[in-house]
Structure formats: C-alpha cells, structure tokens
Amino acid sequence: MKLALFGASGMIGSRILSEALRRGHEVTAVVRQPEKFAHKHNHLAVVKGDVLDSASVAEAVKGHDAVLSAVGPAPEVVKGAARSLIDGLTRAGVRRLVVVGGASSLEVAPGVRLIDTPHFPKEFLPVARAHGEALGTLKKNTTLDWTYVSPPAMIGPGERTGKFRVGKDQLLTDARGESRISAEDYALAFLDEVEHPQHLRQRFTVGY
C-alpha cells in the first residue's frame, strides 16, 4: 500500500513508520522540516507539509491508499489536525484515515470514562480533552473510512511481542490491573487495522 504518515518523528509515529516499512509498504512521511528528518529507507519518501493546513494535507496525500496520523501532543494540534485531515483527504479523494488517539475517553466502568476518574492527572487534562474532541469530530464525519485507535493508559518504548488484546470502548487492563502496551506492539495493531480494516468509522483500543 501507499501510505502517507503525519507525525512520523514522534515516539509512536516512528514505530508506526518502522512497522509499515517492515511490511513492505511505500510510505510518505509528511513533515514540516524535511531537512531535519533523519530516517532513510528505499521505500520512504519525505515531503514538506502542515497537518493544520487542509490545502497542504490535500497536496501531500493525493494518490495514497491511506493516511495515518500520529500527531500531538499539543492540544491545538490534536484538535486542529482532525478537522484539517478530514477536509484535506476529502479534497484529495482519499477515503481511508487511521488516527493515533488517546486513552482518556475509554470507559473504566459503564458510563465512566478514564478522564472522569478522581485521580486522573490534572496536567494531562488539556490534551485528554483535545483527544476527546478530535474523536467527536471524526464521529460526525460520514464520508471518510476513518478509524481511531486508542492506546491503553500507559504506552512507551518496549518490545515487539505480537501478543496483545483488542477491545472497543473499554480500557483494557492486564492480570495485575495495569493498562499498558509497548509502542512497538501498538504499531503492529495499528498496521493490522490499516491492512485489514475491522473498525471502519469506529474507535478501538489495544492492550496487554
């Protein structure tokens, strides 16, 4: 597949890039400063683009099979990207959009989201609310084949084990009550969805 990726230099985005290239996809990394993007690969193109500018998005993604977004963590970027990606993909005639989302809107009990719990860190509230707003923006769209992939509560660099669970709108926890996944396994699940869509116009989550 020919994939356009925004946020390719980030902690999660770089893992998605590596996983996509590992699988033999042709990837276009859309970045603001191509000269500073160090990753090199025979199946990788690097182009200049602004995820907050829908015209720039449209130009960068035209002719691709799918667009992947791993942008953040600034709240204004998270919210703005959802709007400009929808507009840009529509202009470019690209239907498939897969987005790295947030965990805060996942339920920890019926009707109770992670962000609603009393111990949710206050410093993370702005970006958590932004991710929730971005999901709401996607849910209002009925033309693109979008998917929003929520990580568990904890995600970071680790091993690519290939062993994880897939859920829907509820926070996944392991036998110790921890909600976690490595960024490598998250990227694996993310690319599985890109290649074999199971959650069109839906959110899903992954975790151990």
N, C-alpha and C. Protein backbone atom coordinates (compact mmCIF):
# COMPACT_ATOMS: atom_id res chain seq x y z
N MET A 1 0.83 -1.20 0.00
CA MET A 1 0.00 0.00 0.00
C MET A 1 0.87 1.25 0.00
N LYS A 2 0.31 2.32 -0.51
CA LYS A 2 0.98 3.61 -0.47
C LYS A 2 0.37 4.42 0.67
N LEU A 3 1.18 4.69 1.69
CA LEU A 3 0.69 5.30 2.92
C LEU A 3 1.32 6.66 3.14
N ALA A 4 0.52 7.63 3.56
CA ALA A 4 1.03 8.94 3.98
C ALA A 4 0.95 9.00 5.49
N LEU A 5 2.04 9.40 6.14
CA LEU A 5 2.11 9.40 7.60
C LEU A 5 2.47 10.78 8.12
N PHE A 6 1.60 11.31 8.98
CA PHE A 6 1.88 12.55 9.70
C PHE A 6 2.34 12.18 11.11
N GLY A 7 3.33 12.90 11.64
CA GLY A 7 3.84 12.61 12.98
C GLY A 7 4.84 11.48 12.99
N ALA A 8 5.57 11.31 11.90
CA ALA A 8 6.48 10.17 11.76
C ALA A 8 7.70 10.23 12.67
N SER A 9 8.00 11.39 13.23
CA SER A 9 9.19 11.51 14.07
C SER A 9 8.90 11.32 15.56
N GLY A 10 7.64 11.18 15.92
CA GLY A 10 7.28 11.04 17.33
C GLY A 10 7.52 9.64 17.87
N MET A 11 7.30 9.48 19.17
CA MET A 11 7.56 8.19 19.82
C MET A 11 6.70 7.08 19.21
N ILE A 12 5.41 7.34 19.02
CA ILE A 12 4.53 6.34 18.42
C ILE A 12 4.66 6.36 16.90
N GLY A 13 4.69 7.53 16.32
CA GLY A 13 4.77 7.65 14.87
C GLY A 13 5.99 6.99 14.27
N SER A 14 7.12 7.08 14.96
CA SER A 14 8.34 6.45 14.44
C SER A 14 8.22 4.93 14.45
N ARG A 15 7.50 4.39 15.43
CA ARG A 15 7.26 2.94 15.47
C ARG A 15 6.30 2.52 14.36
N ILE A 16 5.29 3.35 14.10
CA ILE A 16 4.37 3.06 13.00
C ILE A 16 5.13 3.09 11.67
N LEU A 17 6.01 4.07 11.52
CA LEU A 17 6.82 4.14 10.31
C LEU A 17 7.66 2.88 10.13
N SER A 18 8.35 2.46 11.18
CA SER A 18 9.20 1.27 11.09
C SER A 18 8.39 0.02 10.78
N GLU A 19 7.21 -0.11 11.40
CA GLU A 19 6.36 -1.27 11.16
C GLU A 19 5.84 -1.28 9.73
N ALA A 20 5.45 -0.12 9.22
CA ALA A 20 4.96 -0.03 7.84
C ALA A 20 6.05 -0.40 6.84
N LEU A 21 7.25 0.07 7.08
CA LEU A 21 8.36 -0.24 6.18
C LEU A 21 8.74 -1.72 6.29
N ARG A 22 8.68 -2.26 7.49
CA ARG A 22 8.96 -3.68 7.71
C ARG A 22 8.03 -4.55 6.87
N ARG A 23 6.79 -4.08 6.72
CA ARG A 23 5.78 -4.84 5.97
C ARG A 23 5.82 -4.59 4.47
N GLY A 24 6.74 -3.74 4.03
CA GLY A 24 6.91 -3.52 2.60
C GLY A 24 6.06 -2.44 1.98
N HIS A 25 5.43 -1.59 2.81
CA HIS A 25 4.61 -0.51 2.26
C HIS A 25 5.48 0.64 1.75
N GLU A 26 4.93 1.38 0.82
CA GLU A 26 5.57 2.62 0.37
C GLU A 26 5.04 3.74 1.27
N VAL A 27 5.92 4.41 1.99
CA VAL A 27 5.49 5.40 2.98
C VAL A 27 5.98 6.79 2.61
N THR A 28 5.09 7.76 2.69
CA THR A 28 5.45 9.16 2.56
C THR A 28 5.31 9.81 3.92
N ALA A 29 6.44 10.24 4.49
CA ALA A 29 6.41 10.96 5.77
C ALA A 29 6.18 12.44 5.46
N VAL A 30 5.10 12.97 5.99
CA VAL A 30 4.77 14.38 5.77
C VAL A 30 5.20 15.16 7.00
N VAL A 31 6.21 16.00 6.84
CA VAL A 31 6.82 16.70 7.98
C VAL A 31 6.97 18.18 7.66
N ARG A 32 7.12 18.97 8.68
CA ARG A 32 7.25 20.42 8.48
C ARG A 32 8.66 20.80 8.03
N GLN A 33 9.66 20.03 8.46
CA GLN A 33 11.05 20.33 8.10
C GLN A 33 11.74 19.06 7.59
N PRO A 34 11.57 18.76 6.30
CA PRO A 34 12.15 17.53 5.74
C PRO A 34 13.65 17.42 5.93
N GLU A 35 14.33 18.54 5.93
CA GLU A 35 15.79 18.51 6.07
C GLU A 35 16.25 18.00 7.43
N LYS A 36 15.37 18.01 8.41
CA LYS A 36 15.72 17.54 9.74
C LYS A 36 15.25 16.11 10.01
N PHE A 37 14.60 15.50 9.01
CA PHE A 37 14.10 14.14 9.20
C PHE A 37 15.19 13.16 8.80
N ALA A 38 15.69 12.39 9.77
CA ALA A 38 16.89 11.60 9.55
C ALA A 38 16.65 10.20 9.00
N HIS A 39 15.43 9.68 9.13
CA HIS A 39 15.17 8.29 8.73
C HIS A 39 15.33 8.12 7.22
N LYS A 40 16.05 7.08 6.82
CA LYS A 40 16.27 6.79 5.41
C LYS A 40 15.83 5.35 5.11
N HIS A 41 15.18 5.18 3.95
CA HIS A 41 14.77 3.83 3.53
C HIS A 41 14.38 3.89 2.05
N ASN A 42 14.61 2.79 1.35
CA ASN A 42 14.31 2.76 -0.08
C ASN A 42 12.83 2.95 -0.38
N HIS A 43 11.97 2.59 0.58
CA HIS A 43 10.52 2.71 0.38
C HIS A 43 9.93 3.91 1.11
N LEU A 44 10.79 4.87 1.47
CA LEU A 44 10.36 6.05 2.22
C LEU A 44 10.62 7.32 1.43
N ALA A 45 9.57 8.14 1.27
CA ALA A 45 9.70 9.49 0.71
C ALA A 45 9.38 10.48 1.82
N VAL A 46 10.07 11.60 1.82
CA VAL A 46 9.84 12.63 2.84
C VAL A 46 9.45 13.92 2.12
N VAL A 47 8.27 14.45 2.46
CA VAL A 47 7.79 15.67 1.83
C VAL A 47 7.41 16.70 2.89
N LYS A 48 7.40 17.94 2.49
CA LYS A 48 7.02 19.02 3.40
C LYS A 48 5.51 19.18 3.42
N GLY A 49 4.96 19.35 4.60
CA GLY A 49 3.52 19.56 4.71
C GLY A 49 3.15 20.00 6.10
N ASP A 50 1.96 20.58 6.23
CA ASP A 50 1.46 21.09 7.51
C ASP A 50 0.12 20.44 7.80
N VAL A 51 0.06 19.63 8.85
CA VAL A 51 -1.17 18.90 9.17
C VAL A 51 -2.31 19.82 9.57
N LEU A 52 -2.01 21.07 9.91
CA LEU A 52 -3.05 22.02 10.30
C LEU A 52 -3.57 22.84 9.12
N ASP A 53 -3.04 22.60 7.93
CA ASP A 53 -3.43 23.31 6.72
C ASP A 53 -4.07 22.31 5.77
N SER A 54 -5.37 22.37 5.59
CA SER A 54 -6.06 21.36 4.80
C SER A 54 -5.60 21.33 3.34
N ALA A 55 -5.23 22.48 2.80
CA ALA A 55 -4.72 22.51 1.42
C ALA A 55 -3.38 21.78 1.33
N SER A 56 -2.54 21.99 2.33
CA SER A 56 -1.26 21.29 2.39
C SER A 56 -1.46 19.79 2.55
N VAL A 57 -2.42 19.41 3.38
CA VAL A 57 -2.74 17.99 3.57
C VAL A 57 -3.17 17.38 2.25
N ALA A 58 -4.07 18.06 1.55
CA ALA A 58 -4.60 17.54 0.29
C ALA A 58 -3.49 17.31 -0.73
N GLU A 59 -2.58 18.25 -0.80
CA GLU A 59 -1.47 18.12 -1.75
C GLU A 59 -0.56 16.96 -1.40
N ALA A 60 -0.31 16.78 -0.10
CA ALA A 60 0.63 15.74 0.35
C ALA A 60 0.07 14.33 0.22
N VAL A 61 -1.24 14.16 0.39
CA VAL A 61 -1.81 12.81 0.47
C VAL A 61 -2.43 12.33 -0.84
N LYS A 62 -2.55 13.19 -1.83
CA LYS A 62 -3.18 12.80 -3.08
C LYS A 62 -2.46 11.58 -3.68
N GLY A 63 -3.25 10.60 -4.09
CA GLY A 63 -2.70 9.41 -4.71
C GLY A 63 -2.31 8.30 -3.75
N HIS A 64 -2.51 8.51 -2.44
CA HIS A 64 -2.19 7.49 -1.45
C HIS A 64 -3.41 6.61 -1.17
N ASP A 65 -3.15 5.40 -0.71
CA ASP A 65 -4.22 4.46 -0.38
C ASP A 65 -4.83 4.76 0.99
N ALA A 66 -4.00 5.28 1.90
CA ALA A 66 -4.47 5.57 3.25
C ALA A 66 -3.59 6.64 3.87
N VAL A 67 -4.15 7.35 4.83
CA VAL A 67 -3.42 8.38 5.57
C VAL A 67 -3.40 7.99 7.04
N LEU A 68 -2.23 8.06 7.64
CA LEU A 68 -2.03 7.71 9.05
C LEU A 68 -1.62 8.96 9.80
N SER A 69 -2.23 9.19 10.95
CA SER A 69 -1.90 10.38 11.74
C SER A 69 -1.47 9.99 13.14
N ALA A 70 -0.26 10.43 13.50
CA ALA A 70 0.26 10.20 14.85
C ALA A 70 0.73 11.52 15.45
N VAL A 71 -0.02 12.59 15.19
CA VAL A 71 0.41 13.92 15.61
C VAL A 71 0.02 14.21 17.06
N GLY A 72 0.69 15.17 17.63
CA GLY A 72 0.47 15.59 19.01
C GLY A 72 1.80 15.94 19.63
N PRO A 73 1.86 16.17 20.94
CA PRO A 73 0.76 16.10 21.90
C PRO A 73 0.07 17.44 22.17
N ALA A 74 0.50 18.52 21.50
CA ALA A 74 -0.10 19.82 21.77
C ALA A 74 -1.61 19.78 21.51
N PRO A 75 -2.44 20.21 22.47
CA PRO A 75 -3.89 20.13 22.30
C PRO A 75 -4.40 20.79 21.03
N GLU A 76 -3.85 21.96 20.69
CA GLU A 76 -4.34 22.66 19.50
C GLU A 76 -4.01 21.88 18.21
N VAL A 77 -2.90 21.13 18.25
CA VAL A 77 -2.55 20.30 17.09
C VAL A 77 -3.49 19.10 16.99
N VAL A 78 -3.75 18.46 18.12
CA VAL A 78 -4.63 17.29 18.14
C VAL A 78 -6.02 17.65 17.61
N LYS A 79 -6.57 18.77 18.08
CA LYS A 79 -7.91 19.18 17.65
C LYS A 79 -7.92 19.67 16.21
N GLY A 80 -6.96 20.51 15.87
CA GLY A 80 -6.91 21.08 14.53
C GLY A 80 -6.64 20.05 13.46
N ALA A 81 -5.80 19.06 13.78
CA ALA A 81 -5.46 18.04 12.79
C ALA A 81 -6.68 17.23 12.38
N ALA A 82 -7.55 16.93 13.32
CA ALA A 82 -8.75 16.15 12.98
C ALA A 82 -9.58 16.87 11.93
N ARG A 83 -9.72 18.18 12.08
CA ARG A 83 -10.52 18.96 11.13
C ARG A 83 -9.82 19.07 9.78
N SER A 84 -8.53 19.40 9.79
CA SER A 84 -7.83 19.62 8.52
C SER A 84 -7.59 18.31 7.77
N LEU A 85 -7.41 17.21 8.48
CA LEU A 85 -7.25 15.92 7.81
C LEU A 85 -8.53 15.52 7.09
N ILE A 86 -9.66 15.70 7.75
CA ILE A 86 -10.94 15.38 7.12
C ILE A 86 -11.13 16.20 5.85
N ASP A 87 -10.87 17.50 5.95
CA ASP A 87 -11.04 18.38 4.80
C ASP A 87 -10.02 18.05 3.71
N GLY A 88 -8.76 17.85 4.11
CA GLY A 88 -7.70 17.58 3.14
C GLY A 88 -7.89 16.27 2.40
N LEU A 89 -8.26 15.21 3.13
CA LEU A 89 -8.49 13.92 2.48
C LEU A 89 -9.68 13.99 1.53
N THR A 90 -10.72 14.71 1.94
CA THR A 90 -11.89 14.85 1.09
C THR A 90 -11.51 15.55 -0.22
N ARG A 91 -10.71 16.60 -0.12
CA ARG A 91 -10.26 17.32 -1.32
C ARG A 91 -9.41 16.42 -2.22
N ALA A 92 -8.59 15.58 -1.60
CA ALA A 92 -7.66 14.74 -2.36
C ALA A 92 -8.29 13.46 -2.88
N GLY A 93 -9.50 13.15 -2.44
CA GLY A 93 -10.16 11.93 -2.87
C GLY A 93 -9.61 10.68 -2.21
N VAL A 94 -9.06 10.82 -1.01
CA VAL A 94 -8.56 9.67 -0.25
C VAL A 94 -9.57 9.38 0.87
N ARG A 95 -10.03 8.14 0.96
CA ARG A 95 -11.10 7.83 1.91
C ARG A 95 -10.60 7.29 3.25
N ARG A 96 -9.45 6.63 3.28
CA ARG A 96 -9.03 5.90 4.48
C ARG A 96 -8.13 6.75 5.37
N LEU A 97 -8.52 6.89 6.63
CA LEU A 97 -7.78 7.65 7.63
C LEU A 97 -7.71 6.84 8.92
N VAL A 98 -6.49 6.62 9.43
CA VAL A 98 -6.31 5.90 10.69
C VAL A 98 -5.53 6.81 11.64
N VAL A 99 -6.07 7.04 12.82
CA VAL A 99 -5.57 8.06 13.73
C VAL A 99 -5.11 7.47 15.06
N VAL A 100 -3.94 7.88 15.52
CA VAL A 100 -3.48 7.57 16.88
C VAL A 100 -4.27 8.45 17.83
N GLY A 101 -5.05 7.83 18.69
CA GLY A 101 -5.91 8.58 19.59
C GLY A 101 -5.40 8.63 21.02
N GLY A 102 -6.29 8.93 21.93
CA GLY A 102 -5.96 8.99 23.34
C GLY A 102 -6.75 7.96 24.13
N ALA A 103 -6.32 7.72 25.36
CA ALA A 103 -6.97 6.72 26.21
C ALA A 103 -8.05 7.31 27.10
N SER A 104 -8.05 8.63 27.27
CA SER A 104 -8.88 9.26 28.31
C SER A 104 -10.37 9.07 28.11
N SER A 105 -10.81 8.86 26.88
CA SER A 105 -12.25 8.71 26.63
C SER A 105 -12.71 7.26 26.74
N LEU A 106 -11.79 6.33 27.02
CA LEU A 106 -12.18 4.94 27.24
C LEU A 106 -12.90 4.79 28.58
N GLU A 107 -13.84 3.87 28.64
CA GLU A 107 -14.61 3.66 29.87
C GLU A 107 -13.88 2.74 30.84
N VAL A 108 -13.89 3.10 32.12
CA VAL A 108 -13.35 2.24 33.17
C VAL A 108 -14.49 1.54 33.93
N ALA A 109 -15.70 2.01 33.71
CA ALA A 109 -16.94 1.43 34.25
C ALA A 109 -18.05 1.94 33.35
N PRO A 110 -19.21 1.30 33.35
CA PRO A 110 -20.29 1.75 32.48
C PRO A 110 -20.60 3.25 32.65
N GLY A 111 -20.41 4.01 31.60
CA GLY A 111 -20.70 5.44 31.64
C GLY A 111 -19.65 6.29 32.30
N VAL A 112 -18.54 5.68 32.77
CA VAL A 112 -17.47 6.43 33.45
C VAL A 112 -16.19 6.33 32.62
N ARG A 113 -15.73 7.47 32.10
CA ARG A 113 -14.51 7.48 31.30
C ARG A 113 -13.28 7.65 32.20
N LEU A 114 -12.14 7.27 31.65
CA LEU A 114 -10.89 7.42 32.40
C LEU A 114 -10.68 8.87 32.83
N ILE A 115 -11.02 9.82 31.96
CA ILE A 115 -10.83 11.23 32.27
C ILE A 115 -11.73 11.69 33.41
N ASP A 116 -12.81 10.96 33.67
CA ASP A 116 -13.76 11.33 34.72
C ASP A 116 -13.36 10.84 36.10
N THR A 117 -12.33 10.00 36.19
CA THR A 117 -11.94 9.43 37.47
C THR A 117 -11.22 10.47 38.33
N PRO A 118 -11.36 10.39 39.65
CA PRO A 118 -10.81 11.43 40.52
C PRO A 118 -9.30 11.55 40.51
N HIS A 119 -8.60 10.48 40.14
CA HIS A 119 -7.13 10.53 40.18
C HIS A 119 -6.50 10.80 38.82
N PHE A 120 -7.32 11.16 37.83
CA PHE A 120 -6.75 11.49 36.52
C PHE A 120 -5.85 12.72 36.65
N PRO A 121 -4.59 12.66 36.19
CA PRO A 121 -3.65 13.77 36.39
C PRO A 121 -4.13 15.08 35.75
N LYS A 122 -4.18 16.13 36.54
CA LYS A 122 -4.69 17.40 36.05
C LYS A 122 -3.85 17.97 34.91
N GLU A 123 -2.54 17.67 34.94
CA GLU A 123 -1.66 18.21 33.91
C GLU A 123 -1.94 17.62 32.53
N PHE A 124 -2.62 16.48 32.50
CA PHE A 124 -2.94 15.84 31.23
C PHE A 124 -4.34 16.18 30.71
N LEU A 125 -5.09 16.96 31.50
CA LEU A 125 -6.47 17.27 31.11
C LEU A 125 -6.57 17.99 29.77
N PRO A 126 -5.74 19.01 29.48
CA PRO A 126 -5.89 19.71 28.19
C PRO A 126 -5.74 18.80 26.98
N VAL A 127 -4.70 17.97 26.98
CA VAL A 127 -4.51 17.09 25.81
C VAL A 127 -5.55 15.97 25.80
N ALA A 128 -5.98 15.52 26.98
CA ALA A 128 -7.02 14.49 27.05
C ALA A 128 -8.32 15.01 26.47
N ARG A 129 -8.68 16.22 26.83
CA ARG A 129 -9.91 16.82 26.28
C ARG A 129 -9.78 17.04 24.78
N ALA A 130 -8.59 17.39 24.33
CA ALA A 130 -8.37 17.60 22.90
C ALA A 130 -8.56 16.30 22.12
N HIS A 131 -8.06 15.20 22.66
CA HIS A 131 -8.25 13.90 22.01
C HIS A 131 -9.73 13.53 21.96
N GLY A 132 -10.44 13.84 23.04
CA GLY A 132 -11.88 13.57 23.04
C GLY A 132 -12.62 14.38 22.00
N GLU A 133 -12.20 15.63 21.85
CA GLU A 133 -12.82 16.50 20.84
C GLU A 133 -12.50 16.00 19.43
N ALA A 134 -11.27 15.53 19.23
CA ALA A 134 -10.88 15.00 17.92
C ALA A 134 -11.72 13.77 17.57
N LEU A 135 -11.93 12.90 18.55
CA LEU A 135 -12.77 11.73 18.31
C LEU A 135 -14.19 12.15 17.96
N GLY A 136 -14.70 13.15 18.66
CA GLY A 136 -16.03 13.66 18.35
C GLY A 136 -16.13 14.22 16.95
N THR A 137 -15.07 14.89 16.50
CA THR A 137 -15.03 15.43 15.13
C THR A 137 -15.09 14.30 14.11
N LEU A 138 -14.33 13.24 14.36
CA LEU A 138 -14.34 12.10 13.44
C LEU A 138 -15.71 11.43 13.41
N LYS A 139 -16.33 11.29 14.58
CA LYS A 139 -17.62 10.61 14.65
C LYS A 139 -18.71 11.33 13.86
N LYS A 140 -18.54 12.63 13.67
CA LYS A 140 -19.52 13.40 12.91
C LYS A 140 -19.35 13.22 11.41
N ASN A 141 -18.21 12.66 10.99
CA ASN A 141 -17.94 12.50 9.56
C ASN A 141 -18.54 11.21 9.04
N THR A 142 -19.23 11.29 7.94
CA THR A 142 -19.88 10.10 7.37
C THR A 142 -19.39 9.78 5.96
N THR A 143 -18.30 10.41 5.53
CA THR A 143 -17.80 10.19 4.18
C THR A 143 -16.47 9.44 4.16
N LEU A 144 -15.59 9.70 5.13
CA LEU A 144 -14.31 9.02 5.18
C LEU A 144 -14.42 7.68 5.89
N ASP A 145 -13.55 6.75 5.53
CA ASP A 145 -13.44 5.48 6.26
C ASP A 145 -12.37 5.64 7.33
N TRP A 146 -12.75 6.30 8.42
CA TRP A 146 -11.79 6.61 9.48
C TRP A 146 -11.80 5.53 10.56
N THR A 147 -10.68 5.44 11.27
CA THR A 147 -10.56 4.60 12.46
C THR A 147 -9.71 5.34 13.47
N TYR A 148 -10.13 5.32 14.72
CA TYR A 148 -9.43 6.00 15.82
C TYR A 148 -8.92 4.91 16.76
N VAL A 149 -7.61 4.86 16.95
CA VAL A 149 -7.00 3.77 17.73
C VAL A 149 -6.52 4.30 19.08
N SER A 150 -7.28 3.99 20.14
CA SER A 150 -6.91 4.43 21.49
C SER A 150 -5.88 3.49 22.09
N PRO A 151 -4.78 4.02 22.62
CA PRO A 151 -3.85 3.19 23.37
C PRO A 151 -4.39 2.93 24.76
N PRO A 152 -3.76 2.05 25.53
CA PRO A 152 -4.13 1.93 26.94
C PRO A 152 -3.59 3.12 27.73
N ALA A 153 -3.72 3.08 29.04
CA ALA A 153 -3.30 4.22 29.86
C ALA A 153 -1.81 4.48 29.77
N MET A 154 -1.01 3.42 29.61
CA MET A 154 0.44 3.57 29.55
C MET A 154 0.98 2.99 28.25
N ILE A 155 1.77 3.79 27.53
CA ILE A 155 2.41 3.32 26.31
C ILE A 155 3.80 3.94 26.23
N GLY A 156 4.77 3.13 25.84
CA GLY A 156 6.14 3.62 25.76
C GLY A 156 7.00 2.65 24.99
N PRO A 157 8.25 3.01 24.75
CA PRO A 157 9.15 2.12 24.02
C PRO A 157 9.28 0.77 24.72
N GLY A 158 9.37 -0.30 23.93
CA GLY A 158 9.48 -1.63 24.51
C GLY A 158 9.74 -2.68 23.45
N GLU A 159 9.18 -3.86 23.65
CA GLU A 159 9.41 -4.97 22.74
C GLU A 159 8.24 -5.15 21.78
N ARG A 160 8.55 -5.70 20.61
CA ARG A 160 7.52 -6.08 19.64
C ARG A 160 7.23 -7.56 19.85
N THR A 161 6.23 -7.85 20.67
CA THR A 161 5.93 -9.24 21.03
C THR A 161 4.89 -9.87 20.12
N GLY A 162 4.00 -9.04 19.56
CA GLY A 162 2.91 -9.57 18.75
C GLY A 162 1.78 -10.15 19.57
N LYS A 163 1.86 -10.00 20.89
CA LYS A 163 0.84 -10.54 21.78
C LYS A 163 0.11 -9.40 22.48
N PHE A 164 -1.12 -9.19 22.11
CA PHE A 164 -1.93 -8.12 22.71
C PHE A 164 -3.39 -8.44 22.49
N ARG A 165 -4.25 -7.72 23.20
CA ARG A 165 -5.69 -7.89 23.04
C ARG A 165 -6.29 -6.66 22.36
N VAL A 166 -7.40 -6.86 21.71
CA VAL A 166 -8.12 -5.77 21.05
C VAL A 166 -9.46 -5.58 21.74
N GLY A 167 -9.79 -4.34 22.04
CA GLY A 167 -11.07 -4.02 22.68
C GLY A 167 -11.79 -2.93 21.91
N LYS A 168 -12.86 -2.44 22.49
CA LYS A 168 -13.68 -1.44 21.78
C LYS A 168 -13.63 -0.10 22.50
N ASP A 169 -14.51 0.11 23.45
CA ASP A 169 -14.59 1.41 24.13
C ASP A 169 -14.22 1.34 25.61
N GLN A 170 -13.81 0.16 26.08
CA GLN A 170 -13.46 -0.01 27.48
C GLN A 170 -11.94 -0.14 27.64
N LEU A 171 -11.41 0.48 28.67
CA LEU A 171 -9.98 0.42 28.96
C LEU A 171 -9.58 -1.02 29.26
N LEU A 172 -8.54 -1.51 28.58
CA LEU A 172 -8.06 -2.86 28.81
C LEU A 172 -7.00 -2.87 29.90
N THR A 173 -7.08 -3.84 30.81
CA THR A 173 -6.08 -4.00 31.86
C THR A 173 -5.60 -5.44 31.88
N ASP A 174 -4.37 -5.64 32.36
CA ASP A 174 -3.82 -6.99 32.42
C ASP A 174 -4.15 -7.65 33.76
N ALA A 175 -3.55 -8.80 34.02
CA ALA A 175 -3.85 -9.56 35.24
C ALA A 175 -3.48 -8.81 36.51
N ARG A 176 -2.55 -7.87 36.39
CA ARG A 176 -2.12 -7.07 37.55
C ARG A 176 -2.91 -5.77 37.67
N GLY A 177 -3.88 -5.60 36.79
CA GLY A 177 -4.69 -4.38 36.83
C GLY A 177 -4.07 -3.20 36.12
N GLU A 178 -2.97 -3.45 35.38
CA GLU A 178 -2.28 -2.38 34.67
C GLU A 178 -2.80 -2.27 33.24
N SER A 179 -2.90 -1.05 32.77
CA SER A 179 -3.33 -0.79 31.40
C SER A 179 -2.12 -0.30 30.62
N ARG A 180 -1.56 -1.18 29.77
CA ARG A 180 -0.29 -0.82 29.14
C ARG A 180 -0.08 -1.57 27.83
N ILE A 181 0.86 -1.06 27.03
CA ILE A 181 1.32 -1.73 25.82
C ILE A 181 2.62 -1.06 25.39
N SER A 182 3.46 -1.78 24.68
CA SER A 182 4.65 -1.15 24.12
C SER A 182 4.24 -0.41 22.84
N ALA A 183 4.98 0.63 22.52
CA ALA A 183 4.69 1.37 21.30
C ALA A 183 4.88 0.48 20.07
N GLU A 184 5.78 -0.49 20.19
CA GLU A 184 6.03 -1.42 19.08
C GLU A 184 4.82 -2.31 18.82
N ASP A 185 4.20 -2.84 19.88
CA ASP A 185 3.01 -3.67 19.70
C ASP A 185 1.80 -2.83 19.29
N TYR A 186 1.72 -1.61 19.79
CA TYR A 186 0.66 -0.71 19.35
C TYR A 186 0.76 -0.48 17.85
N ALA A 187 1.98 -0.23 17.37
CA ALA A 187 2.19 -0.01 15.94
C ALA A 187 1.79 -1.23 15.13
N LEU A 188 2.06 -2.42 15.66
CA LEU A 188 1.69 -3.66 14.99
C LEU A 188 0.17 -3.74 14.84
N ALA A 189 -0.56 -3.47 15.91
CA ALA A 189 -2.03 -3.49 15.87
C ALA A 189 -2.56 -2.41 14.93
N PHE A 190 -1.93 -1.26 14.95
CA PHE A 190 -2.31 -0.13 14.11
C PHE A 190 -2.20 -0.52 12.63
N LEU A 191 -1.08 -1.13 12.24
CA LEU A 191 -0.88 -1.52 10.84
C LEU A 191 -1.77 -2.69 10.45
N ASP A 192 -2.09 -3.57 11.42
CA ASP A 192 -3.06 -4.63 11.14
C ASP A 192 -4.38 -4.03 10.69
N GLU A 193 -4.80 -2.96 11.36
CA GLU A 193 -6.06 -2.30 11.02
C GLU A 193 -5.96 -1.60 9.67
N VAL A 194 -4.80 -1.02 9.38
CA VAL A 194 -4.61 -0.36 8.08
C VAL A 194 -4.75 -1.38 6.95
N GLU A 195 -4.12 -2.53 7.12
CA GLU A 195 -4.11 -3.55 6.07
C GLU A 195 -5.42 -4.32 5.96
N HIS A 196 -6.03 -4.58 7.11
CA HIS A 196 -7.26 -5.38 7.15
C HIS A 196 -8.30 -4.67 8.02
N PRO A 197 -8.99 -3.68 7.48
CA PRO A 197 -9.92 -2.87 8.29
C PRO A 197 -11.00 -3.70 8.97
N GLN A 198 -11.08 -3.53 10.27
CA GLN A 198 -12.11 -4.19 11.07
C GLN A 198 -12.98 -3.18 11.82
N HIS A 199 -12.57 -1.91 11.82
CA HIS A 199 -13.26 -0.92 12.64
C HIS A 199 -13.50 0.37 11.84
N LEU A 200 -14.17 0.24 10.72
CA LEU A 200 -14.45 1.42 9.91
C LEU A 200 -15.44 2.33 10.61
N ARG A 201 -15.08 3.62 10.68
CA ARG A 201 -15.88 4.65 11.36
C ARG A 201 -16.16 4.27 12.81
N GLN A 202 -15.12 3.73 13.43
CA GLN A 202 -15.21 3.31 14.84
C GLN A 202 -13.90 3.60 15.55
N ARG A 203 -13.97 3.56 16.86
CA ARG A 203 -12.78 3.58 17.73
C ARG A 203 -12.56 2.17 18.25
N PHE A 204 -11.29 1.79 18.37
CA PHE A 204 -10.98 0.56 19.10
C PHE A 204 -9.72 0.81 19.91
N THR A 205 -9.42 -0.13 20.80
CA THR A 205 -8.26 0.01 21.64
C THR A 205 -7.49 -1.30 21.70
N VAL A 206 -6.26 -1.23 22.15
CA VAL A 206 -5.41 -2.42 22.29
C VAL A 206 -4.69 -2.36 23.64
N GLY A 207 -4.24 -3.51 24.11
CA GLY A 207 -3.52 -3.56 25.37
C GLY A 207 -3.16 -4.98 25.70
N TYR A 208 -2.35 -5.14 26.74
CA TYR A 208 -1.94 -6.49 27.17
C TYR A 208 -2.99 -7.10 28.09
